Amino acid sequence: MPDSHLLFAYGSLLTQRVQRSVIGREIAGTPDRLAGFRKTTLQDGDDQYPNLSLDSQAYVDGQVLEISDAELGRIDLYEGDLYVRRRVTLVSGKQTWVYYS
């Protein structure tokens, strides 16, 4: 895919419904792991969302999604101001984007 990006997904972006709604298609990801983080919950009013926190003794399992520039832009809008998109290196050695606060 030209101008493609790798994204590490660990929460709602793994569900087909959210993928169709936000990205516009379903994506079969590749399993991978992010070391140095643990999965937590982000509270926003009455709503709770998956999040990551630094933890040198932990890891988070997820999926690597290959997405286009336009799809990355749509995901940025979906994640909003609750999350920041950051670069990380996964256990596999792949460098990907990931969202967490």
N, C-alpha and C. Protein backbone atom coordinates (compact mmCIF):
# COMPACT_ATOMS: atom_id res chain seq x y z
N MET A 1 0.87 -1.17 0.00
CA MET A 1 0.00 0.00 0.00
C MET A 1 0.92 1.24 0.00
N PRO A 2 0.82 2.09 -1.03
CA PRO A 2 1.65 3.30 -1.04
C PRO A 2 1.26 4.23 0.10
N ASP A 3 2.25 4.94 0.63
CA ASP A 3 2.02 5.85 1.75
C ASP A 3 1.30 5.16 2.90
N SER A 4 1.77 3.96 3.24
CA SER A 4 1.10 3.21 4.30
C SER A 4 1.81 3.42 5.64
N HIS A 5 1.06 3.16 6.68
CA HIS A 5 1.53 3.28 8.06
C HIS A 5 1.19 2.01 8.80
N LEU A 6 1.97 1.69 9.82
CA LEU A 6 1.64 0.60 10.72
C LEU A 6 1.11 1.20 12.01
N LEU A 7 0.03 0.63 12.51
CA LEU A 7 -0.61 1.09 13.73
C LEU A 7 -0.79 -0.10 14.66
N PHE A 8 -0.35 0.04 15.92
CA PHE A 8 -0.58 -0.99 16.92
C PHE A 8 -1.90 -0.70 17.60
N ALA A 9 -2.85 -1.61 17.44
CA ALA A 9 -4.19 -1.46 18.02
C ALA A 9 -4.35 -2.46 19.16
N TYR A 10 -4.96 -2.00 20.26
CA TYR A 10 -5.11 -2.84 21.46
C TYR A 10 -6.49 -2.71 22.08
N GLY A 11 -7.36 -1.91 21.47
CA GLY A 11 -8.68 -1.66 22.05
C GLY A 11 -9.77 -1.68 20.99
N SER A 12 -10.56 -0.62 20.96
CA SER A 12 -11.74 -0.58 20.10
C SER A 12 -11.42 -0.68 18.61
N LEU A 13 -10.22 -0.27 18.21
CA LEU A 13 -9.86 -0.36 16.78
C LEU A 13 -9.67 -1.80 16.32
N LEU A 14 -9.74 -2.75 17.24
CA LEU A 14 -9.68 -4.16 16.86
C LEU A 14 -11.04 -4.71 16.45
N THR A 15 -12.12 -4.00 16.79
CA THR A 15 -13.46 -4.52 16.49
C THR A 15 -13.85 -4.18 15.05
N GLN A 16 -14.50 -5.11 14.41
CA GLN A 16 -14.91 -4.92 13.01
C GLN A 16 -15.86 -3.74 12.86
N ARG A 17 -16.76 -3.56 13.82
CA ARG A 17 -17.72 -2.47 13.75
C ARG A 17 -17.01 -1.12 13.74
N VAL A 18 -16.06 -0.94 14.63
CA VAL A 18 -15.32 0.33 14.69
C VAL A 18 -14.45 0.49 13.45
N GLN A 19 -13.82 -0.57 13.01
CA GLN A 19 -13.00 -0.48 11.79
C GLN A 19 -13.85 -0.02 10.60
N ARG A 20 -15.01 -0.63 10.43
CA ARG A 20 -15.88 -0.23 9.30
C ARG A 20 -16.33 1.21 9.44
N SER A 21 -16.69 1.62 10.64
CA SER A 21 -17.20 2.96 10.89
C SER A 21 -16.12 4.03 10.75
N VAL A 22 -14.94 3.79 11.31
CA VAL A 22 -13.88 4.80 11.37
C VAL A 22 -12.96 4.73 10.16
N ILE A 23 -12.48 3.53 9.84
CA ILE A 23 -11.50 3.35 8.79
C ILE A 23 -12.16 3.19 7.42
N GLY A 24 -13.36 2.60 7.43
CA GLY A 24 -14.08 2.39 6.18
C GLY A 24 -13.93 1.00 5.61
N ARG A 25 -13.22 0.15 6.33
CA ARG A 25 -13.04 -1.24 5.90
C ARG A 25 -12.57 -2.06 7.10
N GLU A 26 -12.70 -3.38 6.97
CA GLU A 26 -12.17 -4.27 7.99
C GLU A 26 -10.73 -4.62 7.66
N ILE A 27 -9.89 -4.68 8.67
CA ILE A 27 -8.47 -4.97 8.48
C ILE A 27 -8.10 -6.18 9.32
N ALA A 28 -7.53 -7.17 8.67
CA ALA A 28 -7.00 -8.33 9.40
C ALA A 28 -5.60 -7.96 9.87
N GLY A 29 -5.44 -7.79 11.16
CA GLY A 29 -4.16 -7.39 11.71
C GLY A 29 -3.22 -8.57 11.91
N THR A 30 -2.00 -8.24 12.27
CA THR A 30 -0.97 -9.23 12.59
C THR A 30 -0.70 -9.14 14.09
N PRO A 31 -0.78 -10.26 14.81
CA PRO A 31 -0.53 -10.21 16.25
C PRO A 31 0.88 -9.72 16.56
N ASP A 32 1.00 -8.91 17.60
CA ASP A 32 2.30 -8.43 18.06
C ASP A 32 2.15 -8.01 19.51
N ARG A 33 3.24 -7.53 20.09
CA ARG A 33 3.26 -7.22 21.52
C ARG A 33 4.07 -5.95 21.74
N LEU A 34 3.58 -5.09 22.64
CA LEU A 34 4.27 -3.87 23.03
C LEU A 34 4.79 -4.05 24.45
N ALA A 35 6.10 -4.08 24.61
CA ALA A 35 6.71 -4.25 25.93
C ALA A 35 6.88 -2.89 26.60
N GLY A 36 6.87 -2.91 27.94
CA GLY A 36 7.09 -1.69 28.71
C GLY A 36 5.83 -0.91 29.01
N PHE A 37 4.68 -1.50 28.70
CA PHE A 37 3.38 -0.87 28.97
C PHE A 37 2.44 -1.91 29.54
N ARG A 38 1.42 -1.42 30.24
CA ARG A 38 0.31 -2.28 30.65
C ARG A 38 -0.99 -1.61 30.19
N LYS A 39 -1.99 -2.42 29.99
CA LYS A 39 -3.29 -1.90 29.56
C LYS A 39 -4.03 -1.37 30.78
N THR A 40 -4.56 -0.17 30.65
CA THR A 40 -5.30 0.48 31.73
C THR A 40 -6.60 1.03 31.15
N THR A 41 -7.30 1.80 31.96
CA THR A 41 -8.56 2.41 31.55
C THR A 41 -8.45 3.92 31.68
N LEU A 42 -8.96 4.61 30.69
CA LEU A 42 -9.03 6.07 30.69
C LEU A 42 -10.46 6.47 30.97
N GLN A 43 -10.68 7.26 31.99
CA GLN A 43 -12.01 7.72 32.37
C GLN A 43 -12.27 9.08 31.74
N ASP A 44 -13.39 9.23 31.05
CA ASP A 44 -13.81 10.51 30.48
C ASP A 44 -15.28 10.70 30.82
N GLY A 45 -15.54 11.43 31.90
CA GLY A 45 -16.92 11.56 32.38
C GLY A 45 -17.41 10.20 32.84
N ASP A 46 -18.54 9.76 32.30
CA ASP A 46 -19.09 8.45 32.64
C ASP A 46 -18.53 7.33 31.76
N ASP A 47 -17.73 7.69 30.76
CA ASP A 47 -17.22 6.70 29.80
C ASP A 47 -15.81 6.24 30.17
N GLN A 48 -15.53 4.98 29.84
CA GLN A 48 -14.20 4.41 30.04
C GLN A 48 -13.69 3.88 28.71
N TYR A 49 -12.39 4.11 28.47
CA TYR A 49 -11.76 3.69 27.23
C TYR A 49 -10.44 2.97 27.54
N PRO A 50 -10.03 2.04 26.67
CA PRO A 50 -8.73 1.40 26.86
C PRO A 50 -7.61 2.42 26.75
N ASN A 51 -6.56 2.21 27.53
CA ASN A 51 -5.41 3.11 27.51
C ASN A 51 -4.17 2.32 27.88
N LEU A 52 -3.01 2.94 27.77
CA LEU A 52 -1.75 2.33 28.13
C LEU A 52 -1.05 3.18 29.18
N SER A 53 -0.35 2.50 30.09
CA SER A 53 0.50 3.17 31.06
C SER A 53 1.87 2.52 31.03
N LEU A 54 2.90 3.32 31.25
CA LEU A 54 4.26 2.79 31.30
C LEU A 54 4.39 1.81 32.46
N ASP A 55 5.00 0.66 32.17
CA ASP A 55 5.27 -0.35 33.19
C ASP A 55 6.37 -1.25 32.64
N SER A 56 7.58 -1.07 33.12
CA SER A 56 8.73 -1.77 32.56
C SER A 56 8.64 -3.29 32.69
N GLN A 57 7.76 -3.78 33.55
CA GLN A 57 7.64 -5.22 33.78
C GLN A 57 6.48 -5.85 33.02
N ALA A 58 5.78 -5.07 32.21
CA ALA A 58 4.54 -5.56 31.58
C ALA A 58 4.63 -5.50 30.06
N TYR A 59 3.58 -5.99 29.44
CA TYR A 59 3.44 -5.92 27.99
C TYR A 59 1.95 -5.92 27.65
N VAL A 60 1.66 -5.46 26.43
CA VAL A 60 0.30 -5.43 25.93
C VAL A 60 0.26 -6.17 24.60
N ASP A 61 -0.66 -7.12 24.48
CA ASP A 61 -0.87 -7.81 23.21
C ASP A 61 -1.85 -7.03 22.36
N GLY A 62 -1.63 -7.03 21.07
CA GLY A 62 -2.53 -6.34 20.16
C GLY A 62 -2.30 -6.79 18.74
N GLN A 63 -2.72 -5.96 17.81
CA GLN A 63 -2.61 -6.27 16.38
C GLN A 63 -1.98 -5.09 15.66
N VAL A 64 -1.16 -5.39 14.68
CA VAL A 64 -0.60 -4.36 13.81
C VAL A 64 -1.50 -4.25 12.58
N LEU A 65 -2.00 -3.04 12.35
CA LEU A 65 -2.85 -2.76 11.21
C LEU A 65 -2.07 -1.93 10.20
N GLU A 66 -2.15 -2.29 8.92
CA GLU A 66 -1.54 -1.49 7.87
C GLU A 66 -2.62 -0.57 7.31
N ILE A 67 -2.38 0.74 7.39
CA ILE A 67 -3.39 1.72 6.99
C ILE A 67 -2.77 2.80 6.10
N SER A 68 -3.63 3.49 5.37
CA SER A 68 -3.19 4.56 4.47
C SER A 68 -3.11 5.89 5.21
N ASP A 69 -2.55 6.90 4.53
CA ASP A 69 -2.52 8.26 5.09
C ASP A 69 -3.93 8.74 5.45
N ALA A 70 -4.86 8.55 4.52
CA ALA A 70 -6.24 9.01 4.75
C ALA A 70 -6.87 8.27 5.93
N GLU A 71 -6.62 6.98 6.03
CA GLU A 71 -7.17 6.20 7.15
C GLU A 71 -6.56 6.65 8.47
N LEU A 72 -5.28 6.96 8.48
CA LEU A 72 -4.63 7.46 9.69
C LEU A 72 -5.26 8.79 10.12
N GLY A 73 -5.57 9.63 9.16
CA GLY A 73 -6.24 10.89 9.47
C GLY A 73 -7.61 10.67 10.09
N ARG A 74 -8.36 9.69 9.58
CA ARG A 74 -9.68 9.39 10.15
C ARG A 74 -9.55 8.85 11.57
N ILE A 75 -8.52 8.04 11.80
CA ILE A 75 -8.30 7.50 13.15
C ILE A 75 -7.90 8.62 14.10
N ASP A 76 -7.09 9.57 13.64
CA ASP A 76 -6.74 10.74 14.47
C ASP A 76 -8.01 11.45 14.94
N LEU A 77 -8.95 11.64 14.04
CA LEU A 77 -10.21 12.30 14.40
C LEU A 77 -11.00 11.46 15.40
N TYR A 78 -11.05 10.16 15.18
CA TYR A 78 -11.76 9.24 16.07
C TYR A 78 -11.17 9.27 17.48
N GLU A 79 -9.85 9.23 17.58
CA GLU A 79 -9.19 9.21 18.89
C GLU A 79 -9.30 10.56 19.59
N GLY A 80 -9.45 11.64 18.83
CA GLY A 80 -9.70 12.96 19.40
C GLY A 80 -8.59 13.45 20.30
N ASP A 81 -8.98 14.29 21.25
CA ASP A 81 -7.98 14.90 22.12
C ASP A 81 -7.73 14.08 23.40
N LEU A 82 -8.36 12.92 23.51
CA LEU A 82 -8.10 12.06 24.67
C LEU A 82 -6.77 11.33 24.55
N TYR A 83 -6.32 11.11 23.33
CA TYR A 83 -5.12 10.32 23.08
C TYR A 83 -4.11 11.11 22.26
N VAL A 84 -2.86 10.70 22.38
CA VAL A 84 -1.78 11.24 21.56
C VAL A 84 -1.21 10.09 20.74
N ARG A 85 -0.95 10.34 19.47
CA ARG A 85 -0.34 9.31 18.61
C ARG A 85 1.17 9.40 18.77
N ARG A 86 1.78 8.25 19.12
CA ARG A 86 3.22 8.20 19.37
C ARG A 86 3.84 7.03 18.61
N ARG A 87 5.14 7.14 18.32
CA ARG A 87 5.89 6.05 17.69
C ARG A 87 6.43 5.12 18.77
N VAL A 88 6.31 3.82 18.53
CA VAL A 88 6.86 2.81 19.43
C VAL A 88 7.49 1.69 18.59
N THR A 89 8.34 0.92 19.24
CA THR A 89 8.91 -0.27 18.61
C THR A 89 8.34 -1.48 19.33
N LEU A 90 7.77 -2.38 18.56
CA LEU A 90 7.14 -3.57 19.12
C LEU A 90 8.17 -4.68 19.35
N VAL A 91 7.78 -5.73 20.05
CA VAL A 91 8.65 -6.86 20.32
C VAL A 91 9.20 -7.44 19.02
N SER A 92 8.41 -7.43 17.97
CA SER A 92 8.83 -7.96 16.67
C SER A 92 9.91 -7.10 16.01
N GLY A 93 10.11 -5.88 16.52
CA GLY A 93 11.04 -4.94 15.90
C GLY A 93 10.36 -3.93 14.98
N LYS A 94 9.07 -4.14 14.71
CA LYS A 94 8.33 -3.20 13.86
C LYS A 94 8.15 -1.87 14.58
N GLN A 95 8.33 -0.79 13.83
CA GLN A 95 8.02 0.54 14.37
C GLN A 95 6.62 0.91 13.91
N THR A 96 5.79 1.28 14.88
CA THR A 96 4.39 1.57 14.60
C THR A 96 3.94 2.82 15.34
N TRP A 97 2.78 3.29 14.94
CA TRP A 97 2.07 4.30 15.72
C TRP A 97 1.25 3.59 16.76
N VAL A 98 1.02 4.26 17.88
CA VAL A 98 0.07 3.79 18.89
C VAL A 98 -0.54 5.01 19.54
N TYR A 99 -1.80 4.89 19.98
CA TYR A 99 -2.49 5.98 20.67
C TYR A 99 -2.61 5.65 22.14
N TYR A 100 -2.21 6.60 23.00
CA TYR A 100 -2.48 6.51 24.43
C TYR A 100 -2.36 7.89 25.02
N SER A 101 -2.89 8.06 26.23
CA SER A 101 -2.86 9.39 26.84
C SER A 101 -1.68 9.57 27.77
